[in-house]
Amino acid sequence: MNVSRRELFAFLGAGTAAAALPGCCLSRCGMQHAHAKIALQLYSIKDYIGGKRGEDGMVLVPGVGLERALEDIAAIGYRGVEFADYYGFEAKQLRKMLADAGLKACGTHDGTRRAYGLDTTTWTYDPDVLRRTCEFNLGYGNNLIICSGYGNLPPGCSTSMGLGDAPCVPSRAVDDFVKKLAERYNTIAEDAARFGCRIGIHNHTWEHAVILQDGRSFWDYFFSNTRENVCMEQDVGWSTCAGVDPAAQYEKYPHRSPTLHAKENGMGKNVREFDAVLGKPGRPDAVPVDWDALVPAAEKDGVQWFVVECERHFEDLSAVLPSHDFLKAKGLNS
């Protein structure tokens, strides 16, 4: 799909085309004139959509398909979705399903190599991969392409850092990797803007737990050394788990967050139960997300979408329904 700039603006319409221009949170930055909307990261119901099979091939969960799932999400009250899989559909098919359900696309998740054309093992970068990614996403109405984490991890470090694994020792190798990564993201963000898209990163605990030799975390170095058109999609559950105040991040790195991941913290030394429902942290001792501080801080900064992600009950709607209602009670979607 080759789309010229003129065709892109006509195809998307003035509102979405404006959102495809450079920058992260656009006109709402620092302007608390509307409440953020509630979206769902579709990974939360991946088995409900696509089904699940056991090791023997037996169907454990049949799956309702993407079209039916989008209708069910809209019926709950969600206004948008963030993709992590396209279930084999073309962009025009996705666009029609979203329109039929009355939903907006607010983003997608992928890795650096597949989405951006950046291989962090060789530091090669192919902007043509990024161009094709943008064309596909713009084709169904999305312009925000977030790296979920694949490709961002420094050598010698574990994705379980902050969850009990031993930290990687600060080293020149880690420093060099993180510095080079920030430089590459600056370049990719500029190219993405030319193609009509925005890019950025999502966090787990390790982004806060990887420490450079000067004492700064991966997270702090990265956002202190990338431009404002490199977007920040903070996962507030993982930040809380890492001992970081999620609300404070919008003061430290303002106007860079069109979306955030609304997740509850299910981790803690003695946690035995967790249903992944917002407002119900892991029991008995997970530190809860401070939603009363987070919601106004994020909205003041211009966050447009609270993207619910629930990492339990992938096979049904039992976590995503009460999580939507929790955020709605906080004033979102109004």
Protein backbone atom coordinates (compact mmCIF):
# COMPACT_ATOMS: atom_id res chain seq x y z
CA MET A 1 0.00 0.00 0.00
CA ASN A 2 1.67 3.22 -1.17
CA VAL A 3 0.06 6.38 0.19
CA SER A 4 1.14 9.88 -0.83
CA ARG A 5 0.97 12.73 1.67
CA ARG A 6 -2.01 14.25 -0.18
CA GLU A 7 -3.79 10.90 -0.35
CA LEU A 8 -3.00 10.28 3.31
CA PHE A 9 -4.67 13.51 4.44
CA ALA A 10 -7.72 12.88 2.27
CA PHE A 11 -7.90 9.24 3.34
CA LEU A 12 -7.65 9.88 7.05
CA GLY A 13 -9.62 13.10 7.27
CA ALA A 14 -8.45 16.33 8.84
CA GLY A 15 -8.63 15.20 12.46
CA THR A 16 -6.60 12.02 12.13
CA ALA A 17 -4.21 13.56 9.64
CA ALA A 18 -3.39 16.29 12.14
CA ALA A 19 -2.63 13.59 14.68
CA ALA A 20 -0.14 12.09 12.25
CA LEU A 21 2.07 15.18 12.38
CA PRO A 22 5.26 15.26 14.51
CA GLY A 23 4.91 15.27 18.29
CA CYS A 24 3.59 12.90 20.90
CA CYS A 25 0.51 14.23 22.67
CA LEU A 26 -0.30 17.05 20.26
CA SER A 27 -2.76 19.83 21.11
CA ARG A 28 -3.86 18.36 24.43
CA CYS A 29 -0.40 18.68 25.94
CA GLY A 30 -0.68 20.54 29.21
CA MET A 31 -4.36 21.34 28.54
CA GLN A 32 -6.85 19.71 30.89
CA HIS A 33 -9.93 20.54 28.81
CA ALA A 34 -11.28 17.01 28.32
CA HIS A 35 -11.14 13.70 30.12
CA ALA A 36 -9.05 10.91 28.68
CA LYS A 37 -10.83 8.01 27.04
CA ILE A 38 -10.65 4.34 27.95
CA ALA A 39 -9.17 1.84 25.50
CA LEU A 40 -8.26 -1.84 25.73
CA GLN A 41 -4.96 -3.49 24.83
CA LEU A 42 -6.29 -6.48 22.90
CA TYR A 43 -3.57 -8.71 24.36
CA SER A 44 -5.79 -8.71 27.46
CA ILE A 45 -8.31 -10.95 25.69
CA LYS A 46 -6.04 -12.75 23.23
CA ASP A 47 -7.57 -16.17 23.88
CA TYR A 48 -11.10 -14.78 23.83
CA ILE A 49 -10.33 -13.51 20.33
CA GLY A 50 -8.11 -16.19 18.82
CA GLY A 51 -8.79 -19.22 20.97
CA LYS A 52 -6.34 -21.49 22.74
CA ARG A 53 -5.17 -25.03 22.16
CA GLY A 54 -3.48 -27.45 24.51
CA GLU A 55 -0.17 -29.18 23.81
CA ASP A 56 -2.12 -32.06 22.27
CA GLY A 57 -3.87 -29.71 19.86
CA MET A 58 -7.20 -29.96 21.63
CA VAL A 59 -9.23 -26.76 21.64
CA LEU A 60 -9.32 -25.36 25.18
CA VAL A 61 -10.91 -22.01 24.31
CA PRO A 62 -12.73 -21.72 20.95
CA GLY A 63 -12.29 -17.96 20.43
CA VAL A 64 -15.00 -15.64 19.13
CA GLY A 65 -12.91 -13.89 16.48
CA LEU A 66 -11.79 -10.28 16.27
CA GLU A 67 -14.98 -8.80 14.82
CA ARG A 68 -17.19 -10.20 17.58
CA ALA A 69 -14.64 -9.25 20.24
CA LEU A 70 -14.57 -5.63 19.08
CA GLU A 71 -18.35 -5.49 19.28
CA ASP A 72 -18.25 -6.90 22.82
CA ILE A 73 -15.57 -4.39 23.88
CA ALA A 74 -17.63 -1.50 22.55
CA ALA A 75 -20.72 -2.81 24.34
CA ILE A 76 -18.83 -2.62 27.65
CA GLY A 77 -18.12 1.06 26.97
CA TYR A 78 -14.56 1.09 25.70
CA ARG A 79 -13.92 3.85 23.17
CA GLY A 80 -10.74 2.48 21.59
CA VAL A 81 -8.32 -0.41 21.24
CA GLU A 82 -4.58 -0.93 21.05
CA PHE A 83 -3.40 -3.82 18.90
CA ALA A 84 -0.73 -6.43 19.58
CA ASP A 85 -1.81 -8.85 16.84
CA TYR A 86 -3.83 -8.38 13.66
CA TYR A 87 -5.10 -11.98 13.40
CA GLY A 88 -4.27 -12.12 9.70
CA PHE A 89 -6.53 -9.23 8.65
CA GLU A 90 -5.61 -6.55 6.14
CA ALA A 91 -5.67 -2.88 7.10
CA LYS A 92 -8.90 -2.15 5.23
CA GLN A 93 -10.62 -5.05 7.01
CA LEU A 94 -9.45 -3.81 10.40
CA ARG A 95 -10.64 -0.31 9.55
CA LYS A 96 -14.13 -1.57 8.68
CA MET A 97 -14.40 -3.70 11.83
CA LEU A 98 -13.38 -0.75 14.00
CA ALA A 99 -15.85 1.55 12.28
CA ASP A 100 -18.67 -0.99 12.55
CA ALA A 101 -17.99 -1.36 16.29
CA GLY A 102 -17.66 2.41 16.82
CA LEU A 103 -14.10 2.11 18.12
CA LYS A 104 -10.91 4.11 17.50
CA ALA A 105 -7.42 2.67 17.15
CA CYS A 106 -5.13 4.40 19.65
CA GLY A 107 -1.92 2.44 19.10
CA THR A 108 -0.17 -0.84 18.47
CA HIS A 109 2.66 -2.85 20.06
CA ASP A 110 5.54 -4.53 18.27
CA GLY A 111 9.32 -5.06 18.48
CA THR A 112 12.10 -2.83 17.16
CA ARG A 113 13.12 -5.13 14.33
CA ARG A 114 9.69 -5.95 12.91
CA ALA A 115 8.11 -2.52 13.40
CA TYR A 116 11.00 -0.09 12.99
CA GLY A 117 13.59 -2.06 11.03
CA LEU A 118 16.10 -1.63 13.88
CA ASP A 119 18.25 -4.63 14.81
CA THR A 120 19.95 -3.83 18.12
CA THR A 121 22.28 -6.82 17.84
CA THR A 122 23.97 -5.35 14.74
CA TRP A 123 22.72 -1.74 14.99
CA THR A 124 21.46 -1.87 11.43
CA TYR A 125 18.39 0.19 10.58
CA ASP A 126 16.15 -0.09 7.53
CA PRO A 127 13.72 2.85 7.31
CA ASP A 128 11.78 1.04 4.58
CA VAL A 129 10.53 -1.38 7.23
CA LEU A 130 9.29 1.57 9.26
CA ARG A 131 7.63 3.06 6.18
CA ARG A 132 5.71 -0.16 5.52
CA THR A 133 4.71 -0.37 9.17
CA CYS A 134 3.36 3.18 9.07
CA GLU A 135 1.48 2.55 5.83
CA PHE A 136 -0.23 -0.51 7.26
CA ASN A 137 -1.16 1.23 10.51
CA LEU A 138 -2.39 4.40 8.83
CA GLY A 139 -4.51 2.16 6.63
CA TYR A 140 -6.68 1.17 9.58
CA GLY A 141 -6.53 4.55 11.33
CA ASN A 142 -3.61 4.29 13.75
CA ASN A 143 -0.48 6.44 13.85
CA LEU A 144 1.13 5.43 17.17
CA ILE A 145 3.57 2.50 17.01
CA ILE A 146 5.00 1.56 20.39
CA CYS A 147 7.84 -0.86 21.03
CA SER A 148 6.61 -3.24 23.71
CA GLY A 149 10.20 -3.92 24.81
CA TYR A 150 11.59 -6.41 22.30
CA GLY A 151 14.97 -5.14 21.14
CA ASN A 152 15.47 -2.59 23.91
CA LEU A 153 17.09 -4.82 26.56
CA PRO A 154 20.82 -4.19 27.11
CA PRO A 155 23.25 -7.14 26.90
CA GLY A 156 23.66 -9.15 30.08
CA CYS A 157 20.38 -7.89 31.53
CA SER A 158 17.19 -9.82 32.25
CA THR A 159 13.57 -8.86 31.62
CA SER A 160 12.88 -10.16 35.13
CA MET A 161 15.03 -7.48 36.76
CA GLY A 162 12.88 -5.76 39.34
CA LEU A 163 10.95 -8.99 39.81
CA GLY A 164 13.57 -10.89 41.79
CA ASP A 165 16.35 -11.55 39.29
CA ALA A 166 19.81 -10.28 40.15
CA PRO A 167 20.51 -6.89 38.57
CA CYS A 168 22.97 -6.64 35.71
CA VAL A 169 26.20 -5.01 36.82
CA PRO A 170 26.61 -1.42 35.56
CA SER A 171 29.15 -1.51 32.76
CA ARG A 172 30.49 0.29 29.73
CA ALA A 173 28.63 -2.21 27.55
CA VAL A 174 25.28 -1.32 29.13
CA ASP A 175 26.05 2.40 28.89
CA ASP A 176 27.03 2.14 25.23
CA PHE A 177 23.90 0.17 24.38
CA VAL A 178 21.50 2.56 26.07
CA LYS A 179 23.19 5.64 24.59
CA LYS A 180 23.17 4.17 21.10
CA LEU A 181 19.54 3.12 21.52
CA ALA A 182 18.49 6.66 22.42
CA GLU A 183 20.32 8.00 19.38
CA ARG A 184 18.60 5.50 17.09
CA TYR A 185 15.17 6.31 18.52
CA ASN A 186 15.75 10.00 17.78
CA THR A 187 16.47 9.12 14.16
CA ILE A 188 13.53 6.73 13.89
CA ALA A 189 11.13 9.29 15.37
CA GLU A 190 12.14 11.82 12.72
CA ASP A 191 11.62 9.26 9.95
CA ALA A 192 8.30 8.18 11.46
CA ALA A 193 7.09 11.77 11.38
CA ARG A 194 7.90 11.94 7.67
CA PHE A 195 5.80 8.82 7.18
CA GLY A 196 2.93 10.23 9.26
CA CYS A 197 3.48 8.18 12.43
CA ARG A 198 4.76 8.44 15.99
CA ILE A 199 6.95 5.93 17.85
CA GLY A 200 7.99 5.32 21.44
CA ILE A 201 8.49 2.74 24.18
CA HIS A 202 6.46 0.90 26.80
CA ASN A 203 8.03 -0.26 30.06
CA HIS A 204 8.17 -3.23 32.36
CA THR A 205 10.17 -3.25 35.61
CA TRP A 206 13.58 -3.71 34.03
CA GLU A 207 13.65 -0.26 32.39
CA HIS A 208 13.73 1.16 35.92
CA ALA A 209 16.07 -1.53 37.29
CA VAL A 210 18.85 -1.33 34.67
CA ILE A 211 21.35 1.20 36.07
CA LEU A 212 24.06 2.99 34.12
CA GLN A 213 27.49 3.71 35.57
CA ASP A 214 26.49 7.28 36.44
CA GLY A 215 23.62 5.98 38.60
CA ARG A 216 20.77 6.82 36.23
CA SER A 217 18.25 4.19 35.24
CA PHE A 218 17.69 3.10 31.65
CA TRP A 219 14.32 4.90 31.82
CA ASP A 220 15.73 8.20 33.06
CA TYR A 221 18.66 8.22 30.65
CA PHE A 222 16.45 7.30 27.70
CA PHE A 223 13.85 10.01 28.23
CA SER A 224 16.45 12.60 29.18
CA ASN A 225 18.31 11.99 25.91
CA THR A 226 15.55 11.50 23.37
CA ARG A 227 13.54 14.28 21.82
CA GLU A 228 9.93 15.01 22.68
CA ASN A 229 8.71 13.22 19.57
CA VAL A 230 9.85 9.92 21.10
CA CYS A 231 6.71 8.99 22.99
CA MET A 232 6.42 7.57 26.50
CA GLU A 233 3.79 4.92 27.08
CA GLN A 234 4.16 4.27 30.77
CA ASP A 235 2.80 1.02 32.18
CA VAL A 236 1.75 2.31 35.57
CA GLY A 237 1.41 -1.15 37.10
CA TRP A 238 4.97 -2.11 36.21
CA SER A 239 6.30 1.28 37.32
CA THR A 240 4.59 0.87 40.69
CA CYS A 241 5.99 -2.64 40.97
CA ALA A 242 9.48 -1.23 40.32
CA GLY A 243 9.07 1.26 43.18
CA VAL A 244 8.66 4.25 40.86
CA ASP A 245 5.91 6.84 41.30
CA PRO A 246 3.99 6.76 37.99
CA ALA A 247 2.34 10.15 38.51
CA ALA A 248 5.75 11.82 38.93
CA GLN A 249 6.86 10.68 35.47
CA TYR A 250 4.49 13.18 33.84
CA GLU A 251 6.26 15.97 35.74
CA LYS A 252 9.72 14.67 34.83
CA TYR A 253 8.98 13.98 31.16
CA PRO A 254 5.99 16.12 30.23
CA HIS A 255 3.95 16.18 27.05
CA ARG A 256 5.22 12.90 25.64
CA SER A 257 2.39 10.53 26.46
CA PRO A 258 -0.60 10.14 24.16
CA THR A 259 -1.36 6.87 25.97
CA LEU A 260 -0.60 5.05 29.18
CA HIS A 261 -1.08 1.44 30.16
CA ALA A 262 -3.62 1.19 32.94
CA LYS A 263 -2.55 -1.92 34.80
CA GLU A 264 -2.79 -2.85 38.46
CA ASN A 265 0.27 -4.06 40.37
CA GLY A 266 0.01 -7.78 40.96
CA MET A 267 3.52 -8.31 42.28
CA GLY A 268 4.78 -8.52 45.84
CA LYS A 269 6.87 -10.82 48.02
CA ASN A 270 3.91 -12.63 49.53
CA VAL A 271 1.30 -12.17 46.79
CA ARG A 272 -0.85 -15.26 46.39
CA GLU A 273 -3.89 -13.95 44.53
CA PHE A 274 -4.31 -11.54 41.65
CA ASP A 275 -7.16 -11.15 39.17
CA ALA A 276 -5.61 -8.27 37.15
CA VAL A 277 -8.62 -6.04 37.87
CA LEU A 278 -7.84 -2.34 38.27
CA GLY A 279 -8.17 -1.16 41.85
CA LYS A 280 -7.51 -4.67 43.22
CA PRO A 281 -3.75 -5.16 43.70
CA GLY A 282 -2.21 -8.54 44.32
CA ARG A 283 -3.07 -9.96 47.71
CA PRO A 284 -1.94 -9.71 50.40
CA ASP A 285 0.89 -7.19 50.01
CA ALA A 286 1.32 -5.75 46.51
CA VAL A 287 1.68 -1.96 46.54
CA PRO A 288 -1.43 -0.55 44.81
CA VAL A 289 -1.28 1.96 41.99
CA ASP A 290 -2.19 5.39 43.40
CA TRP A 291 -4.99 6.03 40.93
CA ASP A 292 -6.24 9.14 42.74
CA ALA A 293 -2.87 10.82 42.16
CA LEU A 294 -2.25 9.30 38.75
CA VAL A 295 -5.47 10.19 36.94
CA PRO A 296 -5.30 13.99 37.42
CA ALA A 297 -1.52 14.05 36.81
CA ALA A 298 -1.85 12.15 33.53
CA GLU A 299 -4.84 14.13 32.31
CA LYS A 300 -3.15 17.43 33.16
CA ASP A 301 -0.20 16.36 31.05
CA GLY A 302 -2.45 15.58 28.09
CA VAL A 303 -2.71 11.79 28.12
CA GLN A 304 -5.51 11.00 25.68
CA TRP A 305 -6.04 7.29 26.30
CA PHE A 306 -5.90 5.08 29.40
CA VAL A 307 -5.24 1.69 27.79
CA VAL A 308 -6.39 -1.12 30.07
CA GLU A 309 -4.11 -4.16 30.06
CA CYS A 310 -5.07 -7.18 32.15
CA GLU A 311 -2.64 -10.10 32.30
CA ARG A 312 -5.10 -12.62 33.70
CA HIS A 313 -8.33 -14.11 32.29
CA PHE A 314 -7.20 -13.92 28.66
CA GLU A 315 -10.08 -16.23 27.72
CA ASP A 316 -13.00 -14.02 28.76
CA LEU A 317 -14.08 -10.49 29.72
CA SER A 318 -14.08 -11.00 33.47
CA ALA A 319 -11.09 -8.70 34.12
CA VAL A 320 -11.57 -6.09 31.40
CA LEU A 321 -15.21 -5.32 32.28
CA PRO A 322 -14.70 -4.27 35.94
CA SER A 323 -11.44 -2.53 34.96
CA HIS A 324 -13.35 -0.34 32.51
CA ASP A 325 -15.94 0.46 35.15
CA PHE A 326 -13.20 1.34 37.65
CA LEU A 327 -11.73 3.96 35.34
CA LYS A 328 -15.14 5.28 34.35
CA ALA A 329 -15.85 5.89 38.04
CA LYS A 330 -12.67 8.00 38.10
CA GLY A 331 -14.24 10.32 35.50
CA LEU A 332 -12.72 8.92 32.31
CA ASN A 333 -14.75 8.49 29.10
CA SER A 334 -16.97 11.43 30.06
